[in-house]
Amino acid sequence: DRLFPAPFLRTVVTERLGAVPDEMEGGHFPMLSRPA
């Protein structure tokens, strides 16, 4: 994701949700690039 880079989101998710994000390949619109 080039709009919300992975390092930024990892920090935000950890700080705000107290969780470790699940991760997958793909960009900002996985519903288009990796729908299955």
All heavy atoms as atom14 arrays in JSON, in Angstrom:
{
  "sequence": "DRLFPAPFLRTVVTERLGAVPDEMEGGHFPMLSRPA",
  "atom14_mask": [
    [1, 1, 1, 1, 1, 1, 1, 1, 0, 0, 0, 0, 0, 0],
    [1, 1, 1, 1, 1, 1, 1, 1, 1, 1, 1, 0, 0, 0],
    [1, 1, 1, 1, 1, 1, 1, 1, 0, 0, 0, 0, 0, 0],
    [1, 1, 1, 1, 1, 1, 1, 1, 1, 1, 1, 0, 0, 0],
    [1, 1, 1, 1, 1, 1, 1, 0, 0, 0, 0, 0, 0, 0],
    [1, 1, 1, 1, 1, 0, 0, 0, 0, 0, 0, 0, 0, 0],
    [1, 1, 1, 1, 1, 1, 1, 0, 0, 0, 0, 0, 0, 0],
    [1, 1, 1, 1, 1, 1, 1, 1, 1, 1, 1, 0, 0, 0],
    [1, 1, 1, 1, 1, 1, 1, 1, 0, 0, 0, 0, 0, 0],
    [1, 1, 1, 1, 1, 1, 1, 1, 1, 1, 1, 0, 0, 0],
    [1, 1, 1, 1, 1, 1, 1, 0, 0, 0, 0, 0, 0, 0],
    [1, 1, 1, 1, 1, 1, 1, 0, 0, 0, 0, 0, 0, 0],
    [1, 1, 1, 1, 1, 1, 1, 0, 0, 0, 0, 0, 0, 0],
    [1, 1, 1, 1, 1, 1, 1, 0, 0, 0, 0, 0, 0, 0],
    [1, 1, 1, 1, 1, 1, 1, 1, 1, 0, 0, 0, 0, 0],
    [1, 1, 1, 1, 1, 1, 1, 1, 1, 1, 1, 0, 0, 0],
    [1, 1, 1, 1, 1, 1, 1, 1, 0, 0, 0, 0, 0, 0],
    [1, 1, 1, 1, 0, 0, 0, 0, 0, 0, 0, 0, 0, 0],
    [1, 1, 1, 1, 1, 0, 0, 0, 0, 0, 0, 0, 0, 0],
    [1, 1, 1, 1, 1, 1, 1, 0, 0, 0, 0, 0, 0, 0],
    [1, 1, 1, 1, 1, 1, 1, 0, 0, 0, 0, 0, 0, 0],
    [1, 1, 1, 1, 1, 1, 1, 1, 0, 0, 0, 0, 0, 0],
    [1, 1, 1, 1, 1, 1, 1, 1, 1, 0, 0, 0, 0, 0],
    [1, 1, 1, 1, 1, 1, 1, 1, 0, 0, 0, 0, 0, 0],
    [1, 1, 1, 1, 1, 1, 1, 1, 1, 0, 0, 0, 0, 0],
    [1, 1, 1, 1, 0, 0, 0, 0, 0, 0, 0, 0, 0, 0],
    [1, 1, 1, 1, 0, 0, 0, 0, 0, 0, 0, 0, 0, 0],
    [1, 1, 1, 1, 1, 1, 1, 1, 1, 1, 0, 0, 0, 0],
    [1, 1, 1, 1, 1, 1, 1, 1, 1, 1, 1, 0, 0, 0],
    [1, 1, 1, 1, 1, 1, 1, 0, 0, 0, 0, 0, 0, 0],
    [1, 1, 1, 1, 1, 1, 1, 1, 0, 0, 0, 0, 0, 0],
    [1, 1, 1, 1, 1, 1, 1, 1, 0, 0, 0, 0, 0, 0],
    [1, 1, 1, 1, 1, 1, 0, 0, 0, 0, 0, 0, 0, 0],
    [1, 1, 1, 1, 1, 1, 1, 1, 1, 1, 1, 0, 0, 0],
    [1, 1, 1, 1, 1, 1, 1, 0, 0, 0, 0, 0, 0, 0],
    [1, 1, 1, 1, 1, 0, 0, 0, 0, 0, 0, 0, 0, 0]
  ],
  "atom14_positions": [
    [[0.86, -1.19, 0.0], [0.0, 0.0, 0.0], [0.89, 1.23, 0.0], [1.66, 1.46, 0.93], [-0.9, -0.02, 1.23], [-1.98, 1.06, 1.22], [-1.78, 2.1, 0.56], [-2.99, 0.86, 1.89], [0.0, 0.0, 0.0], [0.0, 0.0, 0.0], [0.0, 0.0, 0.0], [0.0, 0.0, 0.0], [0.0, 0.0, 0.0], [0.0, 0.0, 0.0]],
    [[0.78, 2.05, -1.05], [1.61, 3.26, -1.13], [0.94, 4.46, -0.49], [1.59, 5.46, -0.21], [1.96, 3.56, -2.59], [2.9, 2.48, -3.16], [3.29, 2.76, -4.57], [2.12, 2.69, -5.43], [2.1, 3.06, -6.69], [3.17, 3.55, -7.26], [1.0, 2.96, -7.41], [0.0, 0.0, 0.0], [0.0, 0.0, 0.0], [0.0, 0.0, 0.0]],
    [[-0.37, 4.38, -0.23], [-1.06, 5.48, 0.43], [-0.81, 5.44, 1.94], [-0.53, 6.46, 2.57], [-2.56, 5.41, 0.14], [-3.4, 6.55, 0.7], [-2.95, 7.9, 0.13], [-4.87, 6.33, 0.39], [0.0, 0.0, 0.0], [0.0, 0.0, 0.0], [0.0, 0.0, 0.0], [0.0, 0.0, 0.0], [0.0, 0.0, 0.0], [0.0, 0.0, 0.0]],
    [[-0.92, 4.24, 2.52], [-0.64, 4.03, 3.94], [0.45, 2.96, 4.05], [0.14, 1.77, 4.13], [-1.9, 3.59, 4.7], [-2.99, 4.61, 4.69], [-4.11, 4.45, 3.9], [-2.89, 5.76, 5.47], [-5.13, 5.39, 3.89], [-3.89, 6.71, 5.46], [-5.01, 6.53, 4.67], [0.0, 0.0, 0.0], [0.0, 0.0, 0.0], [0.0, 0.0, 0.0]],
    [[1.73, 3.36, 4.04], [2.82, 2.4, 4.02], [2.79, 1.44, 5.22], [2.4, 1.81, 6.33], [4.07, 3.27, 4.05], [3.62, 4.6, 3.54], [2.2, 4.75, 3.99], [0.0, 0.0, 0.0], [0.0, 0.0, 0.0], [0.0, 0.0, 0.0], [0.0, 0.0, 0.0], [0.0, 0.0, 0.0], [0.0, 0.0, 0.0], [0.0, 0.0, 0.0]],
    [[3.23, 0.22, 4.98], [3.2, -0.84, 5.99], [3.87, -0.44, 7.31], [3.3, -0.67, 8.38], [3.8, -2.12, 5.42], [0.0, 0.0, 0.0], [0.0, 0.0, 0.0], [0.0, 0.0, 0.0], [0.0, 0.0, 0.0], [0.0, 0.0, 0.0], [0.0, 0.0, 0.0], [0.0, 0.0, 0.0], [0.0, 0.0, 0.0], [0.0, 0.0, 0.0]],
    [[5.07, 0.16, 7.31], [5.69, 0.51, 8.59], [4.82, 1.48, 9.41], [4.7, 1.34, 10.63], [7.02, 1.15, 8.2], [7.33, 0.57, 6.86], [5.99, 0.4, 6.18], [0.0, 0.0, 0.0], [0.0, 0.0, 0.0], [0.0, 0.0, 0.0], [0.0, 0.0, 0.0], [0.0, 0.0, 0.0], [0.0, 0.0, 0.0], [0.0, 0.0, 0.0]],
    [[4.22, 2.44, 8.72], [3.34, 3.4, 9.39], [2.14, 2.68, 10.0], [1.79, 2.88, 11.16], [2.87, 4.47, 8.39], [1.74, 5.32, 8.88], [1.96, 6.3, 9.84], [0.46, 5.14, 8.39], [0.91, 7.08, 10.3], [-0.59, 5.92, 8.85], [-0.37, 6.9, 9.81], [0.0, 0.0, 0.0], [0.0, 0.0, 0.0], [0.0, 0.0, 0.0]],
    [[1.48, 1.82, 9.21], [0.29, 1.12, 9.71], [0.61, 0.16, 10.84], [-0.17, 0.01, 11.78], [-0.41, 0.39, 8.58], [-1.19, 1.29, 7.62], [-1.81, 0.46, 6.52], [-2.27, 2.07, 8.37], [0.0, 0.0, 0.0], [0.0, 0.0, 0.0], [0.0, 0.0, 0.0], [0.0, 0.0, 0.0], [0.0, 0.0, 0.0], [0.0, 0.0, 0.0]],
    [[1.76, -0.5, 10.78], [2.14, -1.4, 11.89], [2.2, -0.63, 13.2], [1.73, -1.09, 14.24], [3.48, -2.07, 11.6], [3.41, -3.15, 10.57], [4.77, -3.85, 10.39], [4.74, -4.65, 9.19], [5.38, -4.36, 8.05], [6.14, -3.27, 7.97], [5.26, -5.15, 7.02], [0.0, 0.0, 0.0], [0.0, 0.0, 0.0], [0.0, 0.0, 0.0]],
    [[2.78, 0.55, 13.15], [2.88, 1.39, 14.35], [1.5, 1.84, 14.82], [1.18, 1.74, 16.0], [3.77, 2.62, 14.06], [5.06, 2.17, 13.69], [3.87, 3.52, 15.28], [0.0, 0.0, 0.0], [0.0, 0.0, 0.0], [0.0, 0.0, 0.0], [0.0, 0.0, 0.0], [0.0, 0.0, 0.0], [0.0, 0.0, 0.0], [0.0, 0.0, 0.0]],
    [[0.68, 2.34, 13.91], [-0.65, 2.83, 14.27], [-1.5, 1.72, 14.87], [-2.17, 1.9, 15.88], [-1.34, 3.47, 13.04], [-2.8, 3.76, 13.33], [-0.63, 4.76, 12.64], [0.0, 0.0, 0.0], [0.0, 0.0, 0.0], [0.0, 0.0, 0.0], [0.0, 0.0, 0.0], [0.0, 0.0, 0.0], [0.0, 0.0, 0.0], [0.0, 0.0, 0.0]],
    [[-1.49, 0.56, 14.23], [-2.3, -0.57, 14.71], [-1.85, -1.0, 16.1], [-2.68, -1.25, 16.99], [-2.26, -1.74, 13.71], [-2.91, -2.99, 14.28], [-2.94, -1.34, 12.42], [0.0, 0.0, 0.0], [0.0, 0.0, 0.0], [0.0, 0.0, 0.0], [0.0, 0.0, 0.0], [0.0, 0.0, 0.0], [0.0, 0.0, 0.0], [0.0, 0.0, 0.0]],
    [[-0.56, -1.07, 16.31], [-0.05, -1.46, 17.62], [-0.41, -0.44, 18.68], [-0.9, -0.8, 19.75], [1.48, -1.64, 17.56], [1.78, -2.64, 16.57], [2.04, -2.06, 18.9], [0.0, 0.0, 0.0], [0.0, 0.0, 0.0], [0.0, 0.0, 0.0], [0.0, 0.0, 0.0], [0.0, 0.0, 0.0], [0.0, 0.0, 0.0], [0.0, 0.0, 0.0]],
    [[-0.22, 0.83, 18.38], [-0.49, 1.89, 19.37], [-1.98, 2.08, 19.64], [-2.38, 2.26, 20.78], [0.12, 3.21, 18.9], [1.63, 3.23, 18.95], [2.23, 4.52, 18.4], [1.47, 5.39, 17.91], [3.47, 4.64, 18.45], [0.0, 0.0, 0.0], [0.0, 0.0, 0.0], [0.0, 0.0, 0.0], [0.0, 0.0, 0.0], [0.0, 0.0, 0.0]],
    [[-2.79, 2.07, 18.6], [-4.22, 2.4, 18.78], [-5.1, 1.19, 19.07], [-6.1, 1.32, 19.77], [-4.74, 3.13, 17.55], [-4.05, 4.47, 17.39], [-4.67, 5.26, 16.29], [-3.91, 6.5, 16.08], [-4.23, 7.41, 15.19], [-5.29, 7.25, 14.43], [-3.5, 8.49, 15.07], [0.0, 0.0, 0.0], [0.0, 0.0, 0.0], [0.0, 0.0, 0.0]],
    [[-4.75, 0.04, 18.51], [-5.59, -1.14, 18.73], [-4.95, -2.14, 19.68], [-5.61, -3.08, 20.11], [-5.88, -1.83, 17.39], [-6.63, -1.02, 16.34], [-6.79, -1.83, 15.06], [-7.98, -0.58, 16.89], [0.0, 0.0, 0.0], [0.0, 0.0, 0.0], [0.0, 0.0, 0.0], [0.0, 0.0, 0.0], [0.0, 0.0, 0.0], [0.0, 0.0, 0.0]],
    [[-3.66, -1.96, 19.96], [-2.97, -2.91, 20.82], [-2.89, -4.28, 20.17], [-2.93, -5.3, 20.86], [0.0, 0.0, 0.0], [0.0, 0.0, 0.0], [0.0, 0.0, 0.0], [0.0, 0.0, 0.0], [0.0, 0.0, 0.0], [0.0, 0.0, 0.0], [0.0, 0.0, 0.0], [0.0, 0.0, 0.0], [0.0, 0.0, 0.0], [0.0, 0.0, 0.0]],
    [[-2.77, -4.31, 18.86], [-2.76, -5.58, 18.13], [-1.63, -5.61, 17.11], [-1.07, -4.58, 16.75], [-4.09, -5.75, 17.4], [0.0, 0.0, 0.0], [0.0, 0.0, 0.0], [0.0, 0.0, 0.0], [0.0, 0.0, 0.0], [0.0, 0.0, 0.0], [0.0, 0.0, 0.0], [0.0, 0.0, 0.0], [0.0, 0.0, 0.0], [0.0, 0.0, 0.0]],
    [[-1.33, -6.79, 16.66], [-0.39, -6.98, 15.56], [-1.24, -7.22, 14.31], [-2.1, -8.1, 14.32], [0.53, -8.19, 15.83], [1.42, -8.47, 14.63], [1.36, -7.96, 17.08], [0.0, 0.0, 0.0], [0.0, 0.0, 0.0], [0.0, 0.0, 0.0], [0.0, 0.0, 0.0], [0.0, 0.0, 0.0], [0.0, 0.0, 0.0], [0.0, 0.0, 0.0]],
    [[-1.04, -6.44, 13.26], [-1.89, -6.61, 12.08], [-1.61, -7.92, 11.35], [-0.48, -8.41, 11.35], [-1.52, -5.42, 11.2], [-0.17, -5.01, 11.64], [-0.06, -5.36, 13.09], [0.0, 0.0, 0.0], [0.0, 0.0, 0.0], [0.0, 0.0, 0.0], [0.0, 0.0, 0.0], [0.0, 0.0, 0.0], [0.0, 0.0, 0.0], [0.0, 0.0, 0.0]],
    [[-2.64, -8.48, 10.75], [-2.45, -9.56, 9.79], [-1.93, -8.89, 8.54], [-2.28, -7.74, 8.26], [-3.77, -10.26, 9.48], [-4.3, -11.05, 10.67], [-3.49, -11.45, 11.53], [-5.51, -11.25, 10.73], [0.0, 0.0, 0.0], [0.0, 0.0, 0.0], [0.0, 0.0, 0.0], [0.0, 0.0, 0.0], [0.0, 0.0, 0.0], [0.0, 0.0, 0.0]],
    [[-1.14, -9.61, 7.76], [-0.56, -9.0, 6.55], [-0.77, -9.89, 5.34], [-0.83, -11.11, 5.46], [0.93, -8.74, 6.75], [1.22, -7.76, 7.87], [2.66, -7.29, 7.92], [3.39, -7.42, 6.9], [3.07, -6.79, 8.98], [0.0, 0.0, 0.0], [0.0, 0.0, 0.0], [0.0, 0.0, 0.0], [0.0, 0.0, 0.0], [0.0, 0.0, 0.0]],
    [[-0.9, -9.23, 4.2], [-0.97, -9.94, 2.92], [-0.31, -9.08, 1.85], [-0.09, -7.88, 2.06], [-2.41, -10.26, 2.53], [-3.29, -9.05, 2.24], [-4.97, -9.5, 1.8], [-4.85, -9.5, 0.01], [0.0, 0.0, 0.0], [0.0, 0.0, 0.0], [0.0, 0.0, 0.0], [0.0, 0.0, 0.0], [0.0, 0.0, 0.0], [0.0, 0.0, 0.0]],
    [[0.02, -9.68, 0.74], [0.56, -8.93, -0.39], [-0.56, -8.08, -0.97], [-1.74, -8.4, -0.83], [1.11, -9.88, -1.44], [2.28, -10.73, -0.95], [3.45, -9.92, -0.45], [3.86, -8.97, -1.13], [3.95, -10.22, 0.65], [0.0, 0.0, 0.0], [0.0, 0.0, 0.0], [0.0, 0.0, 0.0], [0.0, 0.0, 0.0], [0.0, 0.0, 0.0]],
    [[-0.2, -7.01, -1.63], [-1.18, -6.19, -2.3], [-1.06, -4.73, -1.94], [-0.35, -4.36, -1.01], [0.0, 0.0, 0.0], [0.0, 0.0, 0.0], [0.0, 0.0, 0.0], [0.0, 0.0, 0.0], [0.0, 0.0, 0.0], [0.0, 0.0, 0.0], [0.0, 0.0, 0.0], [0.0, 0.0, 0.0], [0.0, 0.0, 0.0], [0.0, 0.0, 0.0]],
    [[-1.77, -3.92, -2.71], [-1.74, -2.48, -2.53], [-2.99, -1.98, -1.83], [-3.65, -2.71, -1.1], [0.0, 0.0, 0.0], [0.0, 0.0, 0.0], [0.0, 0.0, 0.0], [0.0, 0.0, 0.0], [0.0, 0.0, 0.0], [0.0, 0.0, 0.0], [0.0, 0.0, 0.0], [0.0, 0.0, 0.0], [0.0, 0.0, 0.0], [0.0, 0.0, 0.0]],
    [[-3.33, -0.73, -2.09], [-4.41, -0.05, -1.38], [-5.8, -0.62, -1.67], [-6.71, -0.46, -0.87], [-4.36, 1.45, -1.71], [-5.22, 2.29, -0.84], [-4.95, 2.47, 0.5], [-6.34, 2.98, -1.09], [-5.88, 3.24, 1.03], [-6.75, 3.57, 0.09], [0.0, 0.0, 0.0], [0.0, 0.0, 0.0], [0.0, 0.0, 0.0], [0.0, 0.0, 0.0]],
    [[-5.97, -1.27, -2.81], [-7.27, -1.83, -3.19], [-7.17, -3.35, -3.4], [-7.27, -3.83, -4.53], [-7.8, -1.17, -4.48], [-8.19, 0.26, -4.29], [-7.37, 1.27, -4.75], [-9.37, 0.59, -3.65], [-7.73, 2.61, -4.58], [-9.74, 1.92, -3.47], [-8.92, 2.93, -3.93], [0.0, 0.0, 0.0], [0.0, 0.0, 0.0], [0.0, 0.0, 0.0]],
    [[-7.0, -4.12, -2.34], [-6.86, -5.57, -2.51], [-8.11, -6.2, -3.13], [-8.03, -7.26, -3.73], [-6.6, -6.08, -1.1], [-7.23, -5.05, -0.21], [-7.02, -3.74, -0.92], [0.0, 0.0, 0.0], [0.0, 0.0, 0.0], [0.0, 0.0, 0.0], [0.0, 0.0, 0.0], [0.0, 0.0, 0.0], [0.0, 0.0, 0.0], [0.0, 0.0, 0.0]],
    [[-9.25, -5.53, -3.02], [-10.47, -6.07, -3.62], [-10.38, -6.08, -5.14], [-11.1, -6.82, -5.79], [-11.71, -5.3, -3.14], [-11.77, -3.86, -3.6], [-10.56, -2.78, -2.82], [-11.46, -2.06, -1.52], [0.0, 0.0, 0.0], [0.0, 0.0, 0.0], [0.0, 0.0, 0.0], [0.0, 0.0, 0.0], [0.0, 0.0, 0.0], [0.0, 0.0, 0.0]],
    [[-9.47, -5.28, -5.69], [-9.26, -5.28, -7.14], [-8.04, -6.12, -7.53], [-8.08, -6.85, -8.52], [-9.06, -3.86, -7.66], [-10.24, -2.9, -7.48], [-9.87, -1.53, -8.02], [-11.47, -3.44, -8.17], [0.0, 0.0, 0.0], [0.0, 0.0, 0.0], [0.0, 0.0, 0.0], [0.0, 0.0, 0.0], [0.0, 0.0, 0.0], [0.0, 0.0, 0.0]],
    [[-6.95, -6.03, -6.76], [-5.72, -6.71, -7.15], [-5.64, -8.15, -6.65], [-4.98, -8.98, -7.26], [-4.5, -5.93, -6.66], [-4.48, -5.88, -5.24], [0.0, 0.0, 0.0], [0.0, 0.0, 0.0], [0.0, 0.0, 0.0], [0.0, 0.0, 0.0], [0.0, 0.0, 0.0], [0.0, 0.0, 0.0], [0.0, 0.0, 0.0], [0.0, 0.0, 0.0]],
    [[-6.3, -8.46, -5.54], [-6.23, -9.8, -4.95], [-7.58, -10.21, -4.36], [-7.69, -10.51, -3.18], [-5.16, -9.83, -3.86], [-3.77, -9.56, -4.4], [-2.73, -9.63, -3.3], [-1.4, -9.62, -3.84], [-0.76, -10.68, -4.29], [-1.32, -11.84, -4.29], [0.47, -10.57, -4.77], [0.0, 0.0, 0.0], [0.0, 0.0, 0.0], [0.0, 0.0, 0.0]],
    [[-8.62, -10.19, -5.19], [-9.96, -10.44, -4.65], [-10.14, -11.82, -4.01], [-10.79, -11.93, -2.98], [-10.88, -10.26, -5.86], [-10.0, -10.45, -7.05], [-8.64, -9.96, -6.63], [0.0, 0.0, 0.0], [0.0, 0.0, 0.0], [0.0, 0.0, 0.0], [0.0, 0.0, 0.0], [0.0, 0.0, 0.0], [0.0, 0.0, 0.0], [0.0, 0.0, 0.0]],
    [[-9.57, -12.85, -4.6], [-9.74, -14.2, -4.04], [-9.06, -14.31, -2.68], [-9.63, -14.85, -1.72], [-9.2, -15.25, -5.0], [0.0, 0.0, 0.0], [0.0, 0.0, 0.0], [0.0, 0.0, 0.0], [0.0, 0.0, 0.0], [0.0, 0.0, 0.0], [0.0, 0.0, 0.0], [0.0, 0.0, 0.0], [0.0, 0.0, 0.0], [0.0, 0.0, 0.0]]
  ]
}
